[in-house]
Amino acid sequence: MDPEAARDAYIQLGIGYLQKGETERAKQPLSEALKLDPRSASANMVLALVFQQEGEYPRCRAALPRALSADPANARILNNYGAFLLDRERYAEALSYFQKAAEDTLYSERSRVFENMGITYLRMGDTASARENLERSLRLNSRQPRALFELAQLEFDAGDFVRHGTTIAASISCPPRTPPACGLACVWRVDLKITAAPSATACNSNVFIPTVPKRKRLWSPNSHEFRAS
């Protein structure tokens, strides 16, 4: 088999295991992919997400720069890197990666980047910037449950009950999504829609990372925050 085709096949196999929550099994094909191409951005990115899901944060932190160095302008990798830093409560650093990702106006999942920026600003206590970015996310994709929920919370806190009601209704109307095997409900927007190479089949899914810190909520977000498409 052609080395590039073999690498792509290994990456897709690793993604498949990761989607099913079988992180231990995902490592072997990803390791084989990296033997064939140590600088593969896709293989390093998926491996980073495997380590993140396992809670192996130092290993995840080591794999992320390798992925980014292979493709520095890749908005998907920048968004994932930012999501990792957001999860580790390194908000200023996370914001810088999201801002770089948002510069790619052709990125097909740009709405998720603005959603992540909105959440980051919330964690930093900047509600005005949070609202601005959540609204921008929803202008790009009006059916983002997490962005709708957080925006509704801000509207409620500001006493804007009319808008709050409209936003909550839009959030509830979003179709349910399949929950992850681990049962995590709240997730940052981590993107695993990776194509190992132009000829490879893209994997259209999200990966789950640790739960959002508790804050006042008007209703319990459920598994529809996970997008499986």
Protein backbone atom coordinates (compact mmCIF):
# COMPACT_ATOMS: atom_id res chain seq x y z
CA MET A 1 0.00 0.00 0.00
CA ASP A 2 1.12 3.53 -0.71
CA PRO A 3 2.62 5.06 2.49
CA GLU A 4 0.31 8.08 2.40
CA ALA A 5 -2.75 5.91 1.92
CA ALA A 6 -1.62 3.65 4.77
CA ARG A 7 -1.08 6.67 7.02
CA ASP A 8 -4.55 7.98 6.21
CA ALA A 9 -6.13 4.60 6.88
CA TYR A 10 -4.42 4.36 10.26
CA ILE A 11 -5.61 7.86 11.18
CA GLN A 12 -9.19 7.09 10.24
CA LEU A 13 -9.03 3.87 12.26
CA GLY A 14 -7.77 5.83 15.27
CA ILE A 15 -10.57 8.38 14.86
CA GLY A 16 -13.10 5.57 14.73
CA TYR A 17 -11.88 4.12 18.02
CA LEU A 18 -11.80 7.57 19.62
CA GLN A 19 -15.39 8.24 18.59
CA LYS A 20 -16.42 5.06 20.37
CA GLY A 21 -14.48 6.01 23.49
CA GLU A 22 -11.91 3.26 22.97
CA THR A 23 -8.87 5.41 23.55
CA GLU A 24 -6.51 2.54 24.32
CA ARG A 25 -7.25 0.94 20.95
CA ALA A 26 -6.96 4.30 19.19
CA LYS A 27 -3.29 4.70 20.12
CA GLN A 28 -1.97 1.78 18.11
CA PRO A 29 -3.12 2.88 14.63
CA LEU A 30 -2.16 6.47 15.42
CA SER A 31 1.32 5.31 16.42
CA GLU A 32 1.58 3.45 13.11
CA ALA A 33 0.50 6.58 11.26
CA LEU A 34 3.20 8.59 13.01
CA LYS A 35 5.83 6.01 12.14
CA LEU A 36 4.97 6.62 8.50
CA ASP A 37 4.72 10.39 8.89
CA PRO A 38 5.97 11.83 12.21
CA ARG A 39 4.92 15.35 11.18
CA SER A 40 1.34 14.45 10.28
CA ALA A 41 -0.84 17.26 11.63
CA SER A 42 -3.93 15.03 11.68
CA ALA A 43 -2.27 12.12 13.47
CA ASN A 44 -0.75 14.38 16.12
CA MET A 45 -4.04 16.23 16.59
CA VAL A 46 -6.05 13.05 17.08
CA LEU A 47 -3.42 11.64 19.43
CA ALA A 48 -3.59 14.86 21.47
CA LEU A 49 -7.34 14.42 21.79
CA VAL A 50 -6.87 10.80 22.86
CA PHE A 51 -4.53 11.91 25.63
CA GLN A 52 -6.89 14.72 26.61
CA GLN A 53 -9.81 12.35 26.94
CA GLU A 54 -7.68 10.08 29.11
CA GLY A 55 -6.64 12.97 31.32
CA GLU A 56 -3.01 12.68 30.20
CA TYR A 57 -2.65 16.43 29.98
CA PRO A 58 1.17 16.69 29.76
CA ARG A 59 1.17 14.26 26.83
CA CYS A 60 -1.68 16.15 25.21
CA ARG A 61 0.20 19.41 25.73
CA ALA A 62 3.23 17.88 23.99
CA ALA A 63 1.28 16.57 20.99
CA LEU A 64 -0.59 19.79 20.25
CA PRO A 65 2.47 21.87 19.24
CA ARG A 66 3.58 19.05 16.93
CA ALA A 67 0.25 19.19 15.16
CA LEU A 68 0.34 22.95 14.91
CA SER A 69 3.94 23.11 13.70
CA ALA A 70 2.99 20.87 10.79
CA ASP A 71 0.12 23.17 9.80
CA PRO A 72 0.39 26.53 11.66
CA ALA A 73 -2.57 28.20 9.96
CA ASN A 74 -5.02 25.31 10.37
CA ALA A 75 -8.09 26.81 12.02
CA ARG A 76 -9.29 23.41 13.22
CA ILE A 77 -6.04 22.73 15.08
CA LEU A 78 -5.95 26.27 16.47
CA ASN A 79 -9.50 25.86 17.77
CA ASN A 80 -8.67 22.53 19.38
CA TYR A 81 -5.53 23.95 20.95
CA GLY A 82 -7.57 26.81 22.36
CA ALA A 83 -10.17 24.37 23.69
CA PHE A 84 -7.46 22.45 25.52
CA LEU A 85 -6.15 25.64 27.12
CA LEU A 86 -9.68 26.71 28.01
CA ASP A 87 -10.21 23.40 29.76
CA ARG A 88 -7.00 23.97 31.71
CA GLU A 89 -8.28 27.46 32.71
CA ARG A 90 -5.51 29.22 30.79
CA TYR A 91 -7.95 31.73 29.42
CA ALA A 92 -5.69 34.41 27.95
CA GLU A 93 -3.70 31.80 26.02
CA ALA A 94 -6.86 30.08 24.86
CA LEU A 95 -8.25 33.35 23.59
CA SER A 96 -5.16 34.00 21.47
CA TYR A 97 -5.59 30.66 19.67
CA PHE A 98 -9.31 31.20 19.12
CA GLN A 99 -8.62 34.65 17.70
CA LYS A 100 -6.12 33.18 15.23
CA ALA A 101 -8.61 30.48 14.24
CA ALA A 102 -11.34 33.08 13.70
CA GLU A 103 -9.17 34.88 11.15
CA ASP A 104 -9.89 32.09 8.68
CA THR A 105 -13.16 33.36 7.23
CA LEU A 106 -13.49 30.23 5.08
CA TYR A 107 -13.32 27.81 8.00
CA SER A 108 -16.49 25.73 7.83
CA GLU A 109 -16.90 25.54 11.62
CA ARG A 110 -16.07 29.16 12.41
CA SER A 111 -19.22 29.52 14.51
CA ARG A 112 -17.70 27.12 17.06
CA VAL A 113 -14.65 29.33 17.39
CA PHE A 114 -16.77 32.34 18.33
CA GLU A 115 -18.78 30.16 20.70
CA ASN A 116 -15.53 29.12 22.39
CA MET A 117 -14.41 32.74 22.56
CA GLY A 118 -17.71 33.67 24.17
CA ILE A 119 -17.25 30.98 26.82
CA THR A 120 -13.67 32.10 27.40
CA TYR A 121 -14.76 35.69 27.97
CA LEU A 122 -17.41 34.42 30.39
CA ARG A 123 -14.73 32.65 32.40
CA MET A 124 -12.71 35.88 32.38
CA GLY A 125 -15.68 37.87 33.66
CA ASP A 126 -16.06 39.99 30.51
CA THR A 127 -19.78 39.58 29.88
CA ALA A 128 -19.95 42.25 27.16
CA SER A 129 -17.33 40.49 25.01
CA ALA A 130 -18.90 37.13 25.84
CA ARG A 131 -22.27 38.28 24.58
CA GLU A 132 -20.74 39.81 21.44
CA ASN A 133 -18.99 36.56 20.51
CA LEU A 134 -21.94 34.30 21.36
CA GLU A 135 -24.18 36.45 19.18
CA ARG A 136 -21.63 36.32 16.38
CA SER A 137 -21.50 32.54 16.69
CA LEU A 138 -25.27 32.39 16.33
CA ARG A 139 -25.23 34.67 13.29
CA LEU A 140 -23.06 32.08 11.60
CA ASN A 141 -25.05 29.10 12.89
CA SER A 142 -28.32 29.81 14.71
CA ARG A 143 -28.58 26.24 16.04
CA GLN A 144 -25.71 26.13 18.51
CA PRO A 145 -27.23 24.81 21.78
CA ARG A 146 -24.33 25.86 24.00
CA ALA A 147 -24.14 29.38 22.58
CA LEU A 148 -27.92 29.74 22.89
CA PHE A 149 -27.90 28.56 26.48
CA GLU A 150 -25.05 30.84 27.58
CA LEU A 151 -26.61 33.82 25.78
CA ALA A 152 -29.97 33.12 27.44
CA GLN A 153 -28.21 33.08 30.82
CA LEU A 154 -26.64 36.48 30.10
CA GLU A 155 -29.99 37.90 29.01
CA PHE A 156 -31.62 36.62 32.18
CA ASP A 157 -28.88 38.10 34.35
CA ALA A 158 -29.33 41.44 32.55
CA GLY A 159 -33.09 41.37 33.15
CA ASP A 160 -33.84 41.08 29.43
CA PHE A 161 -36.57 38.48 29.96
CA VAL A 162 -38.22 38.83 26.55
CA ARG A 163 -35.03 37.99 24.67
CA HIS A 164 -34.20 35.38 27.28
CA GLY A 165 -37.44 33.54 26.61
CA THR A 166 -36.90 33.62 22.86
CA THR A 167 -33.33 32.36 23.17
CA ILE A 168 -34.25 29.56 25.59
CA ALA A 169 -37.02 28.43 23.25
CA ALA A 170 -34.55 28.34 20.34
CA SER A 171 -32.11 26.32 22.45
CA ILE A 172 -34.71 23.76 23.48
CA SER A 173 -35.84 23.39 19.86
CA CYS A 174 -32.37 22.27 18.76
CA PRO A 175 -32.37 18.58 17.86
CA PRO A 176 -30.93 16.18 20.47
CA ARG A 177 -27.52 14.73 19.86
CA THR A 178 -26.11 11.38 20.74
CA PRO A 179 -24.35 11.43 24.13
CA PRO A 180 -20.78 10.20 24.47
CA ALA A 181 -20.06 6.88 26.05
CA CYS A 182 -18.69 8.57 29.17
CA GLY A 183 -21.94 10.48 29.68
CA LEU A 184 -20.40 13.96 29.79
CA ALA A 185 -23.10 16.58 29.24
CA CYS A 186 -21.28 19.90 29.00
CA VAL A 187 -18.40 20.17 26.57
CA TRP A 188 -16.22 22.81 25.09
CA ARG A 189 -16.39 22.87 21.34
CA VAL A 190 -13.60 20.58 20.29
CA ASP A 191 -13.51 19.80 16.63
CA LEU A 192 -12.52 16.38 15.26
CA LYS A 193 -13.71 16.87 11.72
CA ILE A 194 -10.33 15.80 10.40
CA THR A 195 -9.37 14.78 6.91
CA ALA A 196 -6.02 13.05 7.08
CA ALA A 197 -5.30 14.00 3.48
CA PRO A 198 -7.34 15.48 0.61
CA SER A 199 -8.19 11.99 -0.58
CA ALA A 200 -9.23 10.67 2.81
CA THR A 201 -12.77 10.57 4.12
CA ALA A 202 -13.51 13.26 6.69
CA CYS A 203 -14.74 12.27 10.10
CA ASN A 204 -17.65 14.57 10.99
CA SER A 205 -17.87 14.54 14.75
CA ASN A 206 -16.87 16.20 17.99
CA VAL A 207 -14.77 14.84 20.78
CA PHE A 208 -15.62 15.28 24.40
CA ILE A 209 -13.45 16.88 27.00
CA PRO A 210 -13.99 17.52 30.69
CA THR A 211 -17.16 19.10 32.00
CA VAL A 212 -17.73 22.81 32.31
CA PRO A 213 -17.22 24.31 35.77
CA LYS A 214 -20.51 24.72 37.64
CA ARG A 215 -22.30 28.04 37.40
CA LYS A 216 -25.87 29.17 37.91
CA ARG A 217 -28.11 27.60 35.27
CA LEU A 218 -31.79 28.04 34.47
CA TRP A 219 -32.11 24.50 33.21
CA SER A 220 -29.81 21.55 33.02
CA PRO A 221 -28.07 21.28 29.63
CA ASN A 222 -28.37 17.75 28.33
CA SER A 223 -26.59 15.64 25.81
CA HIS A 224 -27.82 17.67 22.88
CA GLU A 225 -24.72 19.82 23.34
CA PHE A 226 -22.78 17.03 21.72
CA ARG A 227 -23.00 17.23 17.98
CA ALA A 228 -22.79 14.02 16.00
CA SER A 229 -23.27 14.66 12.34
